[in-house]
């Protein structure tokens, strides 16, 4: 459920198609089959493979983490796993254009594979969560922060389009709404497997699949929303955070209540998880198009690339914030089942604010669109 946008190099062509079609979406003669036929088939396969690898890594990590922390400790650093993973993803995406220029596609993929293998070996041999995470966290935070400051202040190249940090600009509102939707999803992605295992007697495998219902809902919502046009698009963008709010409130009331993990005990939790993903899927494709249309013609490629940057930053921030809220809510002290119940209640209750603000931002975005 990550990074669902066109490659940056294809953004101008996509924008031309949108303009030719009156800004209502893809040309009418295009079909899903075109994506998987001819030369597009291999490109789609490579792109999908990269997205799958990223998503599988996230879900594998969150699924097995509850068991890992039982073996080697570090429950207070639980959310750092996702945070560091995403921070490293941001750093990698910032470095990838330069790496492609220096080594070409094959060399870049080879270096990425070696880096991935080294990280896997380190994880397999880890015996102390605290040592690994504190060292990597400090190093990555320093390097990433220094790199971003250097790029923005000393380089003619920009990471984000003009108007991103202007509060009343259209593109700032779109980025804010995207970030709020991602924050809503991240809290569930990181901690849902832990809560399901501790409070609802689920195995790591089943808990991972249940948490992935948000991803399934995202996909279903995107498919449903792909054929919308006109005012239906505005309604889909507004419905997105509404679904997120309802789902988060449902999780805040349902997850803290312990159960034996039978089907009837979990069905409402599953619906709430899927509802959150469905809301994001309904709004996300149209937010991407709106970002491209809000950017100037000279910044189309930058706008396309910035979508991934915004999404990853929101994910990293959301994971770190989720860890802080869960720890403050009792995950560590008093800990155990009682502490986990408290943590679940506070986590989903606090993060329900994200889609609530998302509704306000979506309404403002709609008003700005109508005034243009």
Protein backbone atom coordinates (compact mmCIF):
# COMPACT_ATOMS: atom_id res chain seq x y z
CA UNK A 1 0.00 0.00 0.00
CA UNK A 2 2.95 2.23 -0.45
CA UNK A 3 4.08 4.63 -3.18
CA UNK A 4 1.16 4.30 -5.57
CA UNK A 5 2.20 6.90 -8.17
CA UNK A 6 3.72 7.03 -11.63
CA UNK A 7 7.51 7.18 -12.02
CA UNK A 8 8.77 10.75 -11.90
CA UNK A 9 10.11 10.61 -15.43
CA UNK A 10 6.65 9.95 -16.84
CA UNK A 11 4.91 12.82 -15.05
CA UNK A 12 4.98 15.37 -17.92
CA UNK A 13 3.38 12.87 -20.29
CA UNK A 14 0.73 12.06 -17.72
CA UNK A 15 0.04 15.77 -17.25
CA UNK A 16 -0.37 16.26 -21.00
CA UNK A 17 -2.88 13.42 -21.08
CA UNK A 18 -4.81 14.96 -18.21
CA UNK A 19 -4.94 18.33 -19.95
CA UNK A 20 -6.08 16.75 -23.20
CA UNK A 21 -8.86 14.99 -21.34
CA UNK A 22 -10.13 18.11 -19.60
CA UNK A 23 -8.46 17.23 -16.30
CA UNK A 24 -10.93 14.40 -15.64
CA UNK A 25 -8.44 11.55 -15.45
CA UNK A 26 -6.94 9.06 -17.89
CA UNK A 27 -8.04 9.09 -21.54
CA UNK A 28 -11.18 7.06 -22.18
CA UNK A 29 -9.44 4.69 -24.60
CA UNK A 30 -7.02 3.50 -21.88
CA UNK A 31 -7.81 0.25 -20.09
CA UNK A 32 -6.32 -1.89 -17.31
CA UNK A 33 -5.18 -4.39 -19.94
CA UNK A 34 -2.89 -1.77 -21.51
CA UNK A 35 -0.86 -1.72 -18.30
CA UNK A 36 -0.04 -5.42 -18.56
CA UNK A 37 0.53 -5.77 -22.31
CA UNK A 38 3.44 -5.10 -24.64
CA UNK A 39 6.42 -3.16 -23.29
CA UNK A 40 4.36 -1.98 -20.31
CA UNK A 41 4.11 -5.51 -18.92
CA UNK A 42 7.76 -5.74 -17.84
CA UNK A 43 7.78 -2.17 -16.55
CA UNK A 44 4.67 -2.81 -14.50
CA UNK A 45 6.18 -6.04 -13.17
CA UNK A 46 9.39 -4.31 -12.05
CA UNK A 47 7.47 -1.45 -10.47
CA UNK A 48 5.05 -3.79 -8.72
CA UNK A 49 7.95 -5.92 -7.53
CA UNK A 50 9.60 -2.95 -5.88
CA UNK A 51 6.38 -1.95 -4.16
CA UNK A 52 5.78 -5.53 -3.03
CA UNK A 53 9.29 -5.81 -1.62
CA UNK A 54 8.84 -2.62 0.38
CA UNK A 55 5.40 -3.62 1.65
CA UNK A 56 6.41 -7.18 2.51
CA UNK A 57 9.39 -5.93 4.50
CA UNK A 58 7.16 -3.63 6.54
CA UNK A 59 4.57 -6.30 7.25
CA UNK A 60 7.10 -9.02 8.02
CA UNK A 61 8.81 -6.72 10.51
CA UNK A 62 5.62 -5.66 12.27
CA UNK A 63 4.33 -9.25 12.34
CA UNK A 64 7.35 -10.84 13.99
CA UNK A 65 8.36 -7.92 16.23
CA UNK A 66 6.13 -8.94 19.17
CA UNK A 67 7.91 -12.31 19.22
CA UNK A 68 11.34 -10.74 18.70
CA UNK A 69 11.03 -8.37 21.64
CA UNK A 70 10.10 -11.30 23.85
CA UNK A 71 13.40 -12.95 22.91
CA UNK A 72 15.85 -10.04 22.96
CA UNK A 73 13.93 -7.25 24.73
CA UNK A 74 13.47 -3.66 23.60
CA UNK A 75 9.69 -3.21 23.83
CA UNK A 76 10.20 0.50 24.54
CA UNK A 77 11.91 0.80 21.13
CA UNK A 78 9.21 -1.17 19.32
CA UNK A 79 8.19 1.59 16.91
CA UNK A 80 11.80 2.43 16.04
CA UNK A 81 11.89 -0.50 13.62
CA UNK A 82 9.40 1.10 11.27
CA UNK A 83 10.81 4.58 11.81
CA UNK A 84 14.35 3.58 10.90
CA UNK A 85 13.17 1.52 7.95
CA UNK A 86 11.27 4.48 6.49
CA UNK A 87 13.99 7.03 7.28
CA UNK A 88 16.43 4.84 5.40
CA UNK A 89 13.91 4.64 2.54
CA UNK A 90 13.81 8.44 2.38
CA UNK A 91 17.60 8.58 2.29
CA UNK A 92 17.68 5.94 -0.43
CA UNK A 93 15.11 7.76 -2.57
CA UNK A 94 17.09 11.00 -2.24
CA UNK A 95 20.31 9.28 -3.31
CA UNK A 96 18.84 7.13 -6.09
CA UNK A 97 18.98 9.72 -8.93
CA UNK A 98 22.68 10.32 -8.34
CA UNK A 99 23.32 6.60 -8.03
CA UNK A 100 21.51 5.92 -11.30
CA UNK A 101 23.66 8.52 -13.04
CA UNK A 102 26.86 7.02 -11.66
CA UNK A 103 26.21 3.29 -12.01
CA UNK A 104 23.20 2.86 -14.27
CA UNK A 105 20.10 0.75 -13.54
CA UNK A 106 21.94 -2.59 -13.24
CA UNK A 107 24.59 -1.23 -10.92
CA UNK A 108 21.98 0.52 -8.79
CA UNK A 109 19.91 -2.65 -8.39
CA UNK A 110 23.05 -4.62 -7.58
CA UNK A 111 24.15 -2.18 -4.89
CA UNK A 112 20.63 -2.13 -3.46
CA UNK A 113 20.60 -5.93 -3.30
CA UNK A 114 23.95 -6.02 -1.49
CA UNK A 115 22.80 -3.36 0.98
CA UNK A 116 19.61 -5.30 1.62
CA UNK A 117 21.59 -8.50 2.21
CA UNK A 118 23.92 -6.79 4.69
CA UNK A 119 20.94 -5.43 6.61
CA UNK A 120 19.33 -8.87 6.70
CA UNK A 121 22.50 -10.41 8.11
CA UNK A 122 22.72 -7.72 10.81
CA UNK A 123 19.09 -8.31 11.80
CA UNK A 124 19.59 -12.07 11.92
CA UNK A 125 22.59 -11.72 14.22
CA UNK A 126 21.18 -9.06 16.52
CA UNK A 127 21.13 -9.91 20.20
CA UNK A 128 20.44 -6.45 21.60
CA UNK A 129 17.65 -4.28 20.26
CA UNK A 130 18.78 -1.26 22.28
CA UNK A 131 22.32 -1.18 20.89
CA UNK A 132 21.39 -1.65 17.24
CA UNK A 133 18.52 0.83 17.22
CA UNK A 134 20.16 3.60 19.18
CA UNK A 135 23.31 3.57 17.06
CA UNK A 136 21.44 3.34 13.74
CA UNK A 137 18.80 5.82 14.82
CA UNK A 138 21.29 8.52 15.77
CA UNK A 139 23.39 7.95 12.68
CA UNK A 140 20.48 7.96 10.23
CA UNK A 141 18.81 10.96 11.82
CA UNK A 142 22.04 12.96 11.62
CA UNK A 143 22.84 11.97 8.05
CA UNK A 144 19.31 12.51 6.76
CA UNK A 145 18.91 15.86 8.47
CA UNK A 146 22.27 17.09 7.20
CA UNK A 147 21.51 15.90 3.66
CA UNK A 148 18.11 17.60 3.53
CA UNK A 149 19.45 20.89 4.87
CA UNK A 150 22.32 20.83 2.39
CA UNK A 151 20.03 20.15 -0.56
CA UNK A 152 17.53 22.86 0.32
CA UNK A 153 19.99 25.61 1.25
CA UNK A 154 23.06 25.05 -0.92
CA UNK A 155 21.81 23.33 -4.04
CA UNK A 156 19.75 24.76 -6.89
CA UNK A 157 17.80 21.51 -6.82
CA UNK A 158 14.67 21.33 -4.67
CA UNK A 159 13.04 18.37 -2.97
CA UNK A 160 9.53 19.82 -2.95
CA UNK A 161 7.61 22.10 -5.34
CA UNK A 162 7.13 25.82 -4.78
CA UNK A 163 4.37 26.65 -2.34
CA UNK A 164 4.85 23.55 -0.21
CA UNK A 165 5.52 25.58 2.93
CA UNK A 166 3.01 28.34 2.16
CA UNK A 167 0.12 27.65 4.51
CA UNK A 168 -2.67 28.84 2.20
CA UNK A 169 -1.39 27.31 -1.03
CA UNK A 170 -3.32 24.49 -2.68
CA UNK A 171 -0.34 22.15 -2.81
CA UNK A 172 0.36 22.63 0.90
CA UNK A 173 -3.20 21.59 1.71
CA UNK A 174 -2.93 18.52 -0.50
CA UNK A 175 0.34 17.46 1.12
CA UNK A 176 -1.19 18.02 4.57
CA UNK A 177 -4.19 15.82 3.75
CA UNK A 178 -1.96 13.08 2.33
CA UNK A 179 0.22 13.20 5.45
CA UNK A 180 -2.79 12.97 7.77
CA UNK A 181 -4.12 9.94 5.89
CA UNK A 182 -0.72 8.25 6.10
CA UNK A 183 -0.49 9.00 9.83
CA UNK A 184 -3.84 7.29 10.32
CA UNK A 185 -2.66 4.13 8.56
CA UNK A 186 0.78 4.05 10.17
CA UNK A 187 -0.47 3.78 13.75
CA UNK A 188 -2.40 0.63 12.85
CA UNK A 189 0.37 -0.84 10.71
CA UNK A 190 2.94 -0.60 13.48
CA UNK A 191 0.99 -1.70 16.54
CA UNK A 192 -2.03 -3.69 15.35
CA UNK A 193 -0.06 -6.99 15.15
CA UNK A 194 1.22 -6.51 18.71
CA UNK A 195 -2.24 -5.71 20.09
CA UNK A 196 -3.84 -8.62 18.24
CA UNK A 197 -1.29 -11.07 19.61
CA UNK A 198 -1.33 -9.85 23.20
CA UNK A 199 -4.98 -8.89 23.62
CA UNK A 200 -6.77 -11.21 21.18
CA UNK A 201 -4.72 -14.42 21.29
CA UNK A 202 -3.67 -14.39 17.62
CA UNK A 203 -0.58 -16.06 16.22
CA UNK A 204 2.04 -13.83 14.56
CA UNK A 205 0.97 -15.07 11.11
CA UNK A 206 -2.74 -14.41 11.62
CA UNK A 207 -2.08 -11.04 13.28
CA UNK A 208 0.01 -10.01 10.28
CA UNK A 209 -2.73 -10.95 7.84
CA UNK A 210 -5.35 -9.11 9.87
CA UNK A 211 -3.21 -5.96 9.99
CA UNK A 212 -2.81 -6.23 6.21
CA UNK A 213 -6.56 -5.65 5.87
CA UNK A 214 -5.77 -1.95 5.74
CA UNK A 215 -3.65 -2.58 2.67
CA UNK A 216 -6.43 -4.64 1.12
CA UNK A 217 -8.93 -1.87 1.86
CA UNK A 218 -6.57 0.69 0.29
CA UNK A 219 -6.43 -1.38 -2.91
CA UNK A 220 -10.20 -1.88 -3.08
CA UNK A 221 -10.78 1.83 -2.50
CA UNK A 222 -8.33 2.79 -5.24
CA UNK A 223 -10.02 0.47 -7.74
CA UNK A 224 -13.48 1.79 -6.85
CA UNK A 225 -12.32 5.39 -7.03
CA UNK A 226 -10.38 5.10 -10.29
CA UNK A 227 -13.46 5.58 -12.48
CA UNK A 228 -14.82 8.68 -10.72
CA UNK A 229 -15.00 12.13 -12.28
CA UNK A 230 -16.31 15.61 -11.56
CA UNK A 231 -17.94 16.18 -8.19
CA UNK A 232 -17.65 12.49 -7.34
CA UNK A 233 -13.91 13.04 -7.00
CA UNK A 234 -14.45 15.80 -4.43
CA UNK A 235 -16.79 13.54 -2.48
CA UNK A 236 -14.26 10.69 -2.55
CA UNK A 237 -11.53 12.97 -1.18
CA UNK A 238 -13.84 14.04 1.67
CA UNK A 239 -15.09 10.51 2.38
CA UNK A 240 -11.49 9.29 2.77
CA UNK A 241 -10.74 10.92 6.15
CA UNK A 242 -14.33 10.29 7.30
CA UNK A 243 -13.74 6.54 6.86
CA UNK A 244 -10.43 6.92 8.68
CA UNK A 245 -12.09 8.66 11.63
CA UNK A 246 -14.80 6.01 11.94
CA UNK A 247 -12.21 3.22 11.71
CA UNK A 248 -9.92 4.76 14.33
CA UNK A 249 -12.76 5.34 16.77
CA UNK A 250 -13.85 1.75 16.23
CA UNK A 251 -10.36 0.46 16.98
CA UNK A 252 -10.12 2.69 20.07
CA UNK A 253 -13.20 1.01 21.56
CA UNK A 254 -12.74 -2.54 20.22
CA UNK A 255 -9.04 -3.37 20.39
CA UNK A 256 -8.50 -2.70 24.15
CA UNK A 257 -11.21 -5.22 25.05
CA UNK A 258 -9.48 -8.58 25.43
CA UNK A 259 -11.01 -11.64 23.77
CA UNK A 260 -10.34 -15.29 23.00
CA UNK A 261 -9.76 -14.39 19.37
CA UNK A 262 -12.76 -16.16 17.85
CA UNK A 263 -14.23 -14.95 14.56
CA UNK A 264 -17.10 -13.06 16.15
CA UNK A 265 -14.64 -11.34 18.48
CA UNK A 266 -12.53 -10.05 15.58
CA UNK A 267 -15.02 -9.28 12.81
CA UNK A 268 -15.66 -5.70 13.88
CA UNK A 269 -11.94 -5.05 14.36
CA UNK A 270 -11.32 -6.40 10.85
CA UNK A 271 -14.01 -4.12 9.43
CA UNK A 272 -12.49 -1.11 11.18
CA UNK A 273 -9.03 -1.89 9.80
CA UNK A 274 -10.39 -2.37 6.28
CA UNK A 275 -12.44 0.84 6.56
CA UNK A 276 -9.32 2.89 7.30
CA UNK A 277 -7.56 1.52 4.23
CA UNK A 278 -10.68 1.93 2.09
CA UNK A 279 -10.84 5.62 2.95
CA UNK A 280 -7.24 6.21 1.93
CA UNK A 281 -7.74 4.29 -1.30
CA UNK A 282 -10.79 6.36 -2.23
CA UNK A 283 -8.95 9.66 -1.85
CA UNK A 284 -5.34 8.84 -2.73
CA UNK A 285 -5.40 8.56 -6.56
CA UNK A 286 -7.18 11.89 -6.90
CA UNK A 287 -4.86 13.60 -4.44
CA UNK A 288 -1.92 12.51 -6.59
CA UNK A 289 -3.50 14.01 -9.71
CA UNK A 290 -4.38 17.20 -7.84
CA UNK A 291 -0.74 17.57 -6.74
CA UNK A 292 0.45 17.30 -10.34
CA UNK A 293 -2.13 19.84 -11.50
CA UNK A 294 -1.28 22.26 -8.67
CA UNK A 295 2.42 22.29 -9.54
CA UNK A 296 3.77 24.57 -12.24
CA UNK A 297 4.73 23.16 -15.64
CA UNK A 298 8.42 23.53 -14.77
CA UNK A 299 8.04 21.47 -11.58
CA UNK A 300 6.06 18.50 -12.84
CA UNK A 301 8.83 15.94 -12.34
CA UNK A 302 9.63 17.42 -8.94
CA UNK A 303 5.97 17.19 -7.93
CA UNK A 304 5.80 13.55 -9.00
CA UNK A 305 8.92 12.65 -7.02
CA UNK A 306 7.82 14.68 -4.01
CA UNK A 307 4.79 12.44 -3.44
CA UNK A 308 7.02 9.58 -2.30
CA UNK A 309 9.05 11.93 -0.10
CA UNK A 310 5.95 13.32 1.63
CA UNK A 311 4.52 9.83 2.14
CA UNK A 312 7.72 8.44 3.61
CA UNK A 313 8.22 11.42 5.92
CA UNK A 314 4.67 11.04 7.19
CA UNK A 315 5.18 7.31 7.74
CA UNK A 316 8.44 7.81 9.64
CA UNK A 317 6.94 10.59 11.77
CA UNK A 318 3.80 8.57 12.40
CA UNK A 319 5.73 5.50 13.53
CA UNK A 320 7.86 7.54 15.91
CA UNK A 321 4.84 9.37 17.31
CA UNK A 322 2.91 6.11 17.66
CA UNK A 323 5.76 4.68 19.71
CA UNK A 324 5.79 7.71 21.99
CA UNK A 325 2.02 7.56 22.53
CA UNK A 326 1.99 3.81 23.14
CA UNK A 327 4.86 4.00 25.61
CA UNK A 328 3.28 6.93 27.45
CA UNK A 329 -0.04 5.09 27.45
CA UNK A 330 1.29 2.17 29.48
CA UNK A 331 2.93 -0.25 27.06
CA UNK A 332 6.09 -0.30 29.19
CA UNK A 333 4.77 0.84 32.58
CA UNK A 334 2.71 -0.98 33.84
CA UNK A 335 3.20 -3.25 30.82
CA UNK A 336 1.66 -6.69 30.41
CA UNK A 337 -1.93 -7.12 29.30
CA UNK A 338 -3.17 -4.20 31.39
CA UNK A 339 -0.56 -1.84 30.00
CA UNK A 340 -1.17 -3.02 26.45
CA UNK A 341 -4.89 -2.35 26.83
CA UNK A 342 -4.16 1.18 27.99
CA UNK A 343 -1.69 1.70 25.17
CA UNK A 344 -4.20 0.55 22.54
CA UNK A 345 -6.88 2.88 23.86
CA UNK A 346 -4.60 5.91 23.95
CA UNK A 347 -2.92 5.16 20.63
CA UNK A 348 -6.04 4.85 18.51
CA UNK A 349 -7.81 7.60 20.45
CA UNK A 350 -4.98 10.08 19.94
CA UNK A 351 -4.46 9.16 16.29
CA UNK A 352 -8.17 9.62 15.59
CA UNK A 353 -7.29 13.32 15.62
CA UNK A 354 -5.40 12.83 12.33
CA UNK A 355 -8.42 11.95 10.17
CA UNK A 356 -10.50 14.52 12.08
CA UNK A 357 -8.09 17.23 10.95
CA UNK A 358 -8.07 15.52 7.56
CA UNK A 359 -11.81 16.22 7.19
CA UNK A 360 -11.19 19.91 7.86
CA UNK A 361 -8.29 20.05 5.39
CA UNK A 362 -10.31 18.17 2.75
CA UNK A 363 -13.14 20.68 3.05
CA UNK A 364 -10.66 23.55 2.68
CA UNK A 365 -9.13 21.90 -0.38
CA UNK A 366 -12.60 21.58 -1.88
CA UNK A 367 -13.35 25.24 -1.22
CA UNK A 368 -10.07 26.31 -2.85
CA UNK A 369 -10.78 24.11 -5.86
CA UNK A 370 -14.23 25.66 -6.34
CA UNK A 371 -12.83 29.18 -6.02
CA UNK A 372 -10.18 28.62 -8.74
